[in-house]
């Protein structure tokens, strides 16, 4: 018999309720969707299993799915990103929550607890929920209608599964929705560089910041770092993205050379061993290291521990590594998602867009469940456009509309007239 929840402390719920309330006030797009869901109940009778960062914004999404008629079982998608007060508040509201901060050893057991609720839809962040369902809960796959994946890393994992004929449910790549990738990845993750400011009150102006990769997330980090006055160097393995970085005005160097100048190093590539022992040895004193990629594999913590002589916790999420020559390096969030761990995740205004995509994608999945094959689908552009339209309306921003003559002119291209 599965317990209804496993969290740190139910008595934290009042603080969590206030936190969710504050987030909701900054998520008007999702609020409008919730009002419609309350009337139409598009998710009635369904059980949704979700593996997401348990933040106040996730609380607003949970309430929206419930308004649509769904039951929800939720676990955290990172051992350090759960906001314990939010988890408590959600339990008070009747949700099944299996998450607490620093649940490293129980992380996968929490995922299995969610699957024990026999969900009809899986909402994932990193693909651990979907992967474990395929590996350890195969009998559930026959009744699962489909999944939704929030991250670049997770979508890549699931596409590999499809290529290997190992994906046995349809999955919607929420991450690839235009309104998610353009805003969440660029502006949400990009703002994550301020985790270094919160953790160590560091000044960016005049510093040299290394940004590993130049995908949407790293583009955001490079842009925000430069906006704060830093000199930014980009490292890349993809020639097209490297060229884009050059055209955007950044210096592009191999990591081995870039680290010689670094004051801060940010990673968000989705790949392992981006910063390793040889890089740590060549860094100068005082460098700050922060990973914003989904898994804690980009900055090799093992190598850092091997090449240093002493480790000391100097802040809630700051570890100081001292070398035999006295040099010190500072790692944020134990090499995990620094933006989630240190500053609580993306701003509510950004998650308003991403979680609106999640809510409408769940509705789309239900409406089209008999048409979907076992592969990875992109969110229809109509969903992104509708969300962008509503977001602009909530911001009191008006845009132009095509005249009938203009629409006829554009349509004439399609028929060759």
Protein backbone atom coordinates (compact mmCIF):
# COMPACT_ATOMS: atom_id res chain seq x y z
CA UNK A 1 0.00 0.00 0.00
CA UNK A 2 1.55 3.29 -1.14
CA UNK A 3 1.61 6.06 1.42
CA UNK A 4 -0.06 9.31 0.40
CA UNK A 5 3.03 11.43 0.86
CA UNK A 6 6.61 11.55 2.03
CA UNK A 7 7.91 15.04 2.73
CA UNK A 8 10.14 16.82 5.23
CA UNK A 9 7.62 18.56 7.52
CA UNK A 10 3.87 19.06 7.09
CA UNK A 11 4.00 21.99 9.52
CA UNK A 12 5.75 24.08 6.84
CA UNK A 13 2.50 24.28 4.86
CA UNK A 14 1.46 27.86 5.86
CA UNK A 15 4.68 29.26 4.43
CA UNK A 16 4.24 27.16 1.29
CA UNK A 17 0.66 28.38 0.84
CA UNK A 18 1.88 31.98 0.86
CA UNK A 19 4.65 31.12 -1.56
CA UNK A 20 2.26 29.49 -4.04
CA UNK A 21 -0.13 32.45 -3.66
CA UNK A 22 2.67 34.86 -4.59
CA UNK A 23 3.64 32.79 -7.63
CA UNK A 24 0.02 32.58 -8.78
CA UNK A 25 -0.24 36.37 -8.78
CA UNK A 26 2.55 36.46 -11.36
CA UNK A 27 1.21 33.66 -13.55
CA UNK A 28 -1.88 35.16 -15.21
CA UNK A 29 -1.70 33.02 -18.35
CA UNK A 30 -1.91 29.78 -16.40
CA UNK A 31 -4.65 31.32 -14.24
CA UNK A 32 -6.77 31.91 -17.33
CA UNK A 33 -6.26 28.31 -18.43
CA UNK A 34 -7.26 27.13 -14.97
CA UNK A 35 -10.51 29.06 -15.12
CA UNK A 36 -11.39 27.32 -18.37
CA UNK A 37 -10.29 23.94 -16.98
CA UNK A 38 -12.60 24.42 -13.99
CA UNK A 39 -15.57 24.73 -16.36
CA UNK A 40 -14.66 22.09 -18.98
CA UNK A 41 -12.82 19.46 -16.88
CA UNK A 42 -10.71 18.15 -19.83
CA UNK A 43 -8.65 15.91 -17.50
CA UNK A 44 -11.56 14.43 -15.57
CA UNK A 45 -10.90 10.95 -14.18
CA UNK A 46 -7.22 10.92 -15.07
CA UNK A 47 -4.25 10.37 -12.78
CA UNK A 48 -1.15 12.35 -13.66
CA UNK A 49 2.29 11.31 -12.42
CA UNK A 50 4.77 14.21 -12.40
CA UNK A 51 8.50 14.41 -11.77
CA UNK A 52 9.22 18.14 -11.59
CA UNK A 53 11.15 20.59 -9.49
CA UNK A 54 8.84 21.09 -6.54
CA UNK A 55 8.76 24.88 -6.50
CA UNK A 56 5.99 27.38 -5.86
CA UNK A 57 5.36 27.62 -9.61
CA UNK A 58 4.91 23.86 -9.78
CA UNK A 59 2.31 24.31 -7.06
CA UNK A 60 0.32 26.56 -9.39
CA UNK A 61 0.56 23.96 -12.17
CA UNK A 62 -0.64 21.25 -9.75
CA UNK A 63 -3.69 23.34 -8.87
CA UNK A 64 -4.42 23.88 -12.57
CA UNK A 65 -4.29 20.16 -13.36
CA UNK A 66 -6.56 19.49 -10.38
CA UNK A 67 -8.99 22.15 -11.64
CA UNK A 68 -9.08 20.23 -14.92
CA UNK A 69 -10.29 17.12 -13.08
CA UNK A 70 -7.02 15.22 -12.64
CA UNK A 71 -5.49 13.54 -9.61
CA UNK A 72 -1.78 14.23 -9.20
CA UNK A 73 1.14 12.31 -7.71
CA UNK A 74 4.31 14.40 -7.63
CA UNK A 75 7.99 13.83 -6.92
CA UNK A 76 11.04 16.07 -7.30
CA UNK A 77 13.23 15.92 -10.40
CA UNK A 78 16.40 16.88 -8.51
CA UNK A 79 17.49 15.93 -4.98
CA UNK A 80 18.23 19.55 -4.03
CA UNK A 81 15.54 21.57 -5.80
CA UNK A 82 12.48 20.78 -3.67
CA UNK A 83 11.05 23.68 -1.66
CA UNK A 84 9.91 21.84 1.47
CA UNK A 85 7.26 24.40 2.37
CA UNK A 86 5.65 24.03 -1.07
CA UNK A 87 5.65 20.23 -0.76
CA UNK A 88 3.87 20.56 2.60
CA UNK A 89 1.29 22.99 1.21
CA UNK A 90 0.49 20.65 -1.68
CA UNK A 91 -0.02 17.74 0.68
CA UNK A 92 -2.45 19.90 2.69
CA UNK A 93 -4.36 20.48 -0.56
CA UNK A 94 -4.72 16.74 -1.08
CA UNK A 95 -1.91 16.01 -3.52
CA UNK A 96 0.30 12.92 -3.21
CA UNK A 97 3.80 14.34 -2.88
CA UNK A 98 7.06 12.42 -2.50
CA UNK A 99 9.79 15.04 -2.27
CA UNK A 100 12.05 16.80 0.19
CA UNK A 101 15.26 18.75 -0.08
CA UNK A 102 18.39 16.58 -0.01
CA UNK A 103 16.64 13.29 -0.71
CA UNK A 104 19.69 11.94 -2.57
CA UNK A 105 19.44 8.32 -1.41
CA UNK A 106 15.64 8.18 -1.77
CA UNK A 107 15.40 10.08 -5.07
CA UNK A 108 14.54 7.09 -7.25
CA UNK A 109 12.26 5.55 -4.61
CA UNK A 110 10.19 8.74 -4.75
CA UNK A 111 9.84 8.31 -8.51
CA UNK A 112 8.68 4.73 -8.02
CA UNK A 113 6.14 5.91 -5.44
CA UNK A 114 4.62 8.18 -8.07
CA UNK A 115 4.43 5.29 -10.54
CA UNK A 116 2.70 3.19 -7.88
CA UNK A 117 -0.33 5.45 -8.39
CA UNK A 118 -0.67 3.97 -11.91
CA UNK A 119 -0.76 7.30 -13.74
CA UNK A 120 -2.42 7.79 -17.12
CA UNK A 121 -0.07 10.64 -18.10
CA UNK A 122 3.57 11.22 -17.15
CA UNK A 123 4.89 14.80 -16.88
CA UNK A 124 8.66 14.70 -16.65
CA UNK A 125 11.69 16.96 -16.20
CA UNK A 126 14.82 15.11 -17.26
CA UNK A 127 13.07 11.85 -18.34
CA UNK A 128 13.84 9.88 -15.17
CA UNK A 129 10.14 9.16 -14.59
CA UNK A 130 9.58 7.90 -18.12
CA UNK A 131 12.82 5.92 -18.20
CA UNK A 132 12.13 4.17 -14.88
CA UNK A 133 8.61 3.34 -16.04
CA UNK A 134 10.18 1.61 -19.06
CA UNK A 135 12.84 -0.19 -17.04
CA UNK A 136 11.08 -1.19 -13.84
CA UNK A 137 7.34 -0.69 -14.31
CA UNK A 138 6.81 -2.09 -17.79
CA UNK A 139 3.34 -3.41 -17.06
CA UNK A 140 2.17 0.17 -16.55
CA UNK A 141 3.10 1.21 -20.08
CA UNK A 142 0.05 -0.45 -21.61
CA UNK A 143 -2.29 1.87 -19.70
CA UNK A 144 -0.19 5.06 -19.94
CA UNK A 145 -1.65 7.36 -22.58
CA UNK A 146 1.52 9.38 -23.04
CA UNK A 147 4.20 11.55 -21.54
CA UNK A 148 5.41 15.14 -21.58
CA UNK A 149 9.06 16.18 -21.25
CA UNK A 150 10.17 19.60 -20.00
CA UNK A 151 13.94 19.68 -20.65
CA UNK A 152 16.45 19.52 -23.49
CA UNK A 153 18.31 16.73 -21.71
CA UNK A 154 15.14 14.70 -21.25
CA UNK A 155 13.99 15.15 -24.85
CA UNK A 156 17.41 14.01 -26.10
CA UNK A 157 17.22 10.88 -23.91
CA UNK A 158 13.76 10.05 -25.19
CA UNK A 159 14.71 10.57 -28.84
CA UNK A 160 17.56 8.11 -28.36
CA UNK A 161 15.07 5.63 -26.89
CA UNK A 162 12.86 6.06 -29.94
CA UNK A 163 15.80 5.56 -32.31
CA UNK A 164 16.54 2.30 -30.49
CA UNK A 165 12.88 1.20 -30.67
CA UNK A 166 12.73 1.34 -26.87
CA UNK A 167 10.09 4.04 -26.45
CA UNK A 168 6.71 2.42 -25.77
CA UNK A 169 4.50 5.47 -25.21
CA UNK A 170 3.96 8.68 -27.19
CA UNK A 171 5.80 11.67 -25.71
CA UNK A 172 5.27 15.36 -26.35
CA UNK A 173 8.49 17.40 -26.28
CA UNK A 174 7.25 20.35 -24.23
CA UNK A 175 10.81 21.68 -24.18
CA UNK A 176 10.71 22.17 -27.95
CA UNK A 177 7.59 24.34 -27.91
CA UNK A 178 8.63 27.72 -29.29
CA UNK A 179 7.18 29.61 -26.35
CA UNK A 180 9.06 27.34 -23.91
CA UNK A 181 12.48 27.10 -25.54
CA UNK A 182 12.68 30.76 -26.48
CA UNK A 183 11.70 32.17 -23.09
CA UNK A 184 12.28 29.51 -20.40
CA UNK A 185 15.65 28.40 -21.71
CA UNK A 186 16.96 31.79 -22.73
CA UNK A 187 15.57 34.17 -20.15
CA UNK A 188 14.83 31.79 -17.28
CA UNK A 189 18.06 29.82 -17.30
CA UNK A 190 19.94 32.91 -18.43
CA UNK A 191 18.95 34.75 -15.29
CA UNK A 192 20.36 31.81 -13.34
CA UNK A 193 23.79 33.42 -13.42
CA UNK A 194 22.64 35.55 -10.49
CA UNK A 195 22.97 32.42 -8.36
CA UNK A 196 26.62 33.46 -8.04
CA UNK A 197 25.51 36.84 -6.72
CA UNK A 198 23.20 35.32 -4.11
CA UNK A 199 25.68 32.64 -3.06
CA UNK A 200 28.79 34.83 -2.80
CA UNK A 201 27.67 38.43 -3.44
CA UNK A 202 30.05 38.50 -6.38
CA UNK A 203 30.49 41.51 -8.69
CA UNK A 204 30.19 40.61 -12.39
CA UNK A 205 31.49 43.92 -13.75
CA UNK A 206 35.05 43.49 -14.97
CA UNK A 207 35.09 39.73 -14.33
CA UNK A 208 35.78 37.10 -17.00
CA UNK A 209 32.91 34.62 -17.28
CA UNK A 210 33.21 31.34 -19.16
CA UNK A 211 29.97 29.97 -20.60
CA UNK A 212 30.16 26.37 -21.79
CA UNK A 213 28.03 25.77 -24.86
CA UNK A 214 25.93 28.21 -26.87
CA UNK A 215 22.50 26.60 -27.02
CA UNK A 216 19.43 28.54 -25.81
CA UNK A 217 20.28 28.20 -22.11
CA UNK A 218 23.92 29.18 -22.53
CA UNK A 219 22.93 32.00 -24.88
CA UNK A 220 20.87 33.39 -22.03
CA UNK A 221 23.71 33.05 -19.52
CA UNK A 222 26.18 34.76 -21.86
CA UNK A 223 23.75 37.60 -22.53
CA UNK A 224 22.95 38.17 -18.86
CA UNK A 225 26.61 37.99 -17.82
CA UNK A 226 27.57 40.57 -20.43
CA UNK A 227 24.65 42.74 -19.33
CA UNK A 228 26.08 42.68 -15.80
CA UNK A 229 29.40 43.98 -17.13
CA UNK A 230 31.38 40.75 -17.47
CA UNK A 231 33.79 39.84 -20.23
CA UNK A 232 32.34 36.62 -21.66
CA UNK A 233 34.18 33.75 -23.32
CA UNK A 234 32.17 30.95 -24.93
CA UNK A 235 33.36 27.36 -25.39
CA UNK A 236 31.70 25.09 -27.94
CA UNK A 237 32.02 21.79 -29.84
CA UNK A 238 29.44 22.68 -32.50
CA UNK A 239 30.96 24.84 -35.29
CA UNK A 240 27.64 26.51 -36.17
CA UNK A 241 26.94 27.56 -32.60
CA UNK A 242 30.54 28.64 -32.15
CA UNK A 243 30.23 30.83 -35.24
CA UNK A 244 26.98 32.26 -33.89
CA UNK A 245 28.75 33.18 -30.64
CA UNK A 246 31.50 34.92 -32.60
CA UNK A 247 28.93 36.85 -34.63
CA UNK A 248 27.22 37.84 -31.37
CA UNK A 249 30.47 39.45 -30.28
CA UNK A 250 31.92 36.86 -27.88
CA UNK A 251 35.39 35.41 -27.79
CA UNK A 252 35.35 31.67 -28.49
CA UNK A 253 38.12 29.48 -27.08
CA UNK A 254 38.69 25.83 -26.15
CA UNK A 255 37.92 25.21 -22.48
CA UNK A 256 41.57 24.42 -21.73
CA UNK A 257 42.58 27.96 -22.73
CA UNK A 258 39.45 29.71 -21.50
CA UNK A 259 39.84 28.55 -17.88
CA UNK A 260 43.20 30.32 -17.64
CA UNK A 261 41.31 33.63 -17.64
CA UNK A 262 38.19 32.57 -15.74
CA UNK A 263 36.69 34.23 -12.69
CA UNK A 264 33.45 32.27 -13.09
CA UNK A 265 32.53 29.17 -15.12
CA UNK A 266 28.93 28.30 -16.00
CA UNK A 267 27.93 25.07 -17.75
CA UNK A 268 24.68 24.08 -19.46
CA UNK A 269 25.52 21.66 -22.25
CA UNK A 270 23.74 18.42 -21.36
CA UNK A 271 27.05 16.57 -21.72
CA UNK A 272 29.40 15.04 -19.13
CA UNK A 273 32.92 16.09 -18.11
CA UNK A 274 32.80 19.59 -19.53
CA UNK A 275 35.05 20.85 -16.72
CA UNK A 276 37.47 18.24 -15.31
CA UNK A 277 40.66 17.81 -13.33
CA UNK A 278 43.08 19.35 -15.83
CA UNK A 279 40.91 22.47 -15.98
CA UNK A 280 40.73 22.82 -12.19
CA UNK A 281 44.52 22.58 -11.92
CA UNK A 282 44.99 25.47 -14.35
CA UNK A 283 42.43 27.84 -12.83
CA UNK A 284 43.49 30.81 -10.77
CA UNK A 285 42.53 31.40 -7.14
CA UNK A 286 38.89 32.21 -6.37
CA UNK A 287 37.10 30.85 -9.43
CA UNK A 288 33.38 30.18 -8.98
CA UNK A 289 31.93 27.04 -10.63
CA UNK A 290 28.23 26.62 -11.36
CA UNK A 291 26.36 24.05 -13.42
CA UNK A 292 22.91 24.89 -14.79
CA UNK A 293 22.51 21.72 -16.87
CA UNK A 294 20.01 19.12 -15.69
CA UNK A 295 22.40 16.46 -14.35
CA UNK A 296 25.37 16.97 -12.03
CA UNK A 297 27.81 15.53 -14.55
CA UNK A 298 29.08 18.61 -16.36
CA UNK A 299 31.46 19.81 -13.65
CA UNK A 300 33.29 16.74 -12.42
CA UNK A 301 32.91 16.90 -8.65
CA UNK A 302 34.94 13.70 -8.29
CA UNK A 303 37.87 15.26 -10.13
CA UNK A 304 37.57 18.42 -8.05
CA UNK A 305 37.74 16.39 -4.86
CA UNK A 306 40.69 14.38 -6.19
CA UNK A 307 42.85 17.36 -7.18
CA UNK A 308 42.10 19.49 -4.11
CA UNK A 309 43.37 18.83 -0.58
CA UNK A 310 40.54 20.26 1.53
CA UNK A 311 36.79 20.81 1.26
CA UNK A 312 34.80 23.18 3.46
CA UNK A 313 31.12 24.17 3.43
CA UNK A 314 31.18 27.97 3.70
CA UNK A 315 27.57 28.70 2.78
CA UNK A 316 24.28 26.87 2.47
CA UNK A 317 25.05 25.88 -1.10
CA UNK A 318 28.72 26.85 -1.42
CA UNK A 319 31.65 24.46 -1.04
CA UNK A 320 35.21 25.78 -0.94
CA UNK A 321 37.89 23.48 -2.33
CA UNK A 322 41.45 24.33 -1.28
CA UNK A 323 44.51 23.08 -3.17
CA UNK A 324 47.89 22.26 -1.67
CA UNK A 325 49.31 25.58 -2.93
CA UNK A 326 46.55 27.53 -1.18
CA UNK A 327 44.41 28.12 -4.28
CA UNK A 328 40.64 28.00 -3.67
CA UNK A 329 37.76 27.15 -6.00
CA UNK A 330 34.09 27.56 -5.11
CA UNK A 331 31.40 25.11 -6.26
CA UNK A 332 27.74 26.12 -6.12
CA UNK A 333 24.94 23.68 -5.38
CA UNK A 334 27.19 20.60 -5.28
CA UNK A 335 27.44 20.76 -9.07
CA UNK A 336 23.68 20.43 -9.47
CA UNK A 337 21.28 22.95 -11.02
CA UNK A 338 22.58 26.13 -9.39
CA UNK A 339 19.64 28.21 -10.55
CA UNK A 340 17.19 25.80 -8.86
CA UNK A 341 19.28 25.04 -5.80
CA UNK A 342 20.54 28.53 -4.95
CA UNK A 343 17.83 30.93 -6.16
CA UNK A 344 14.73 28.72 -6.28
CA UNK A 345 14.37 28.36 -10.03
CA UNK A 346 13.04 30.50 -12.85
CA UNK A 347 10.92 33.56 -12.08
CA UNK A 348 7.19 32.95 -11.92
CA UNK A 349 6.62 35.11 -15.00
CA UNK A 350 8.72 32.71 -17.07
CA UNK A 351 7.18 29.56 -15.62
CA UNK A 352 3.78 31.04 -16.44
CA UNK A 353 4.64 30.30 -20.07
CA UNK A 354 6.27 26.89 -19.58
CA UNK A 355 3.58 25.49 -17.31
CA UNK A 356 0.86 26.86 -19.57
CA UNK A 357 2.44 24.68 -22.26
CA UNK A 358 2.35 21.71 -19.88
CA UNK A 359 -1.33 22.22 -19.06
CA UNK A 360 -2.44 22.63 -22.69
CA UNK A 361 -0.21 19.76 -23.81
CA UNK A 362 -1.96 17.44 -21.34
CA UNK A 363 -5.26 18.49 -22.86
CA UNK A 364 -3.88 17.95 -26.39
CA UNK A 365 -2.58 14.51 -25.45
CA UNK A 366 -6.01 13.43 -24.19
CA UNK A 367 -7.83 14.76 -27.25
CA UNK A 368 -5.41 13.02 -29.62
CA UNK A 369 -4.55 9.87 -27.67
CA UNK A 370 -5.93 7.53 -30.35
CA UNK A 371 -3.83 9.17 -33.07
CA UNK A 372 -0.42 9.25 -31.40
CA UNK A 373 2.29 6.66 -32.10
CA UNK A 374 5.15 5.66 -29.82
CA UNK A 375 7.51 8.48 -30.71
CA UNK A 376 8.49 12.01 -29.68
CA UNK A 377 6.19 14.77 -30.93
CA UNK A 378 6.68 18.53 -30.97
CA UNK A 379 4.03 20.72 -29.37
CA UNK A 380 1.81 22.19 -32.11
CA UNK A 381 2.67 25.82 -32.87
CA UNK A 382 -0.96 26.76 -32.33
CA UNK A 383 -0.52 26.07 -28.61
CA UNK A 384 2.55 28.31 -28.39
CA UNK A 385 0.85 31.07 -30.34
CA UNK A 386 -2.25 30.94 -28.14
CA UNK A 387 -0.13 31.13 -24.98
CA UNK A 388 1.90 34.05 -26.35
CA UNK A 389 -1.30 35.84 -27.31
CA UNK A 390 -2.80 35.43 -23.85
CA UNK A 391 0.47 36.46 -22.18
CA UNK A 392 0.53 39.68 -24.20
CA UNK A 393 -3.09 40.37 -23.26
CA UNK A 394 -2.29 39.95 -19.57
CA UNK A 395 0.59 42.41 -20.05
CA UNK A 396 -1.80 44.93 -21.67
CA UNK A 397 0.19 44.80 -24.91
CA UNK A 398 -1.61 45.03 -28.26
CA UNK A 399 -0.20 43.96 -31.61
CA UNK A 400 -1.25 44.42 -35.22
CA UNK A 401 -3.54 42.07 -37.13
CA UNK A 402 -3.47 41.24 -40.82
CA UNK A 403 -6.12 42.86 -42.97
CA UNK A 404 -8.28 40.64 -45.17
CA UNK A 405 -6.27 41.82 -48.16
CA UNK A 406 -2.99 40.89 -46.46
CA UNK A 407 -4.28 37.45 -45.51
CA UNK A 408 -5.39 36.86 -49.10
CA UNK A 409 -1.99 37.97 -50.35
CA UNK A 410 -0.13 35.56 -48.04
CA UNK A 411 -2.46 32.68 -48.91
CA UNK A 412 -1.82 33.30 -52.58
CA UNK A 413 1.75 32.06 -52.06
CA UNK A 414 0.39 28.68 -51.03
CA UNK A 415 -1.47 28.13 -54.31
CA UNK A 416 1.10 29.79 -56.52
CA UNK A 417 -0.92 32.76 -57.77
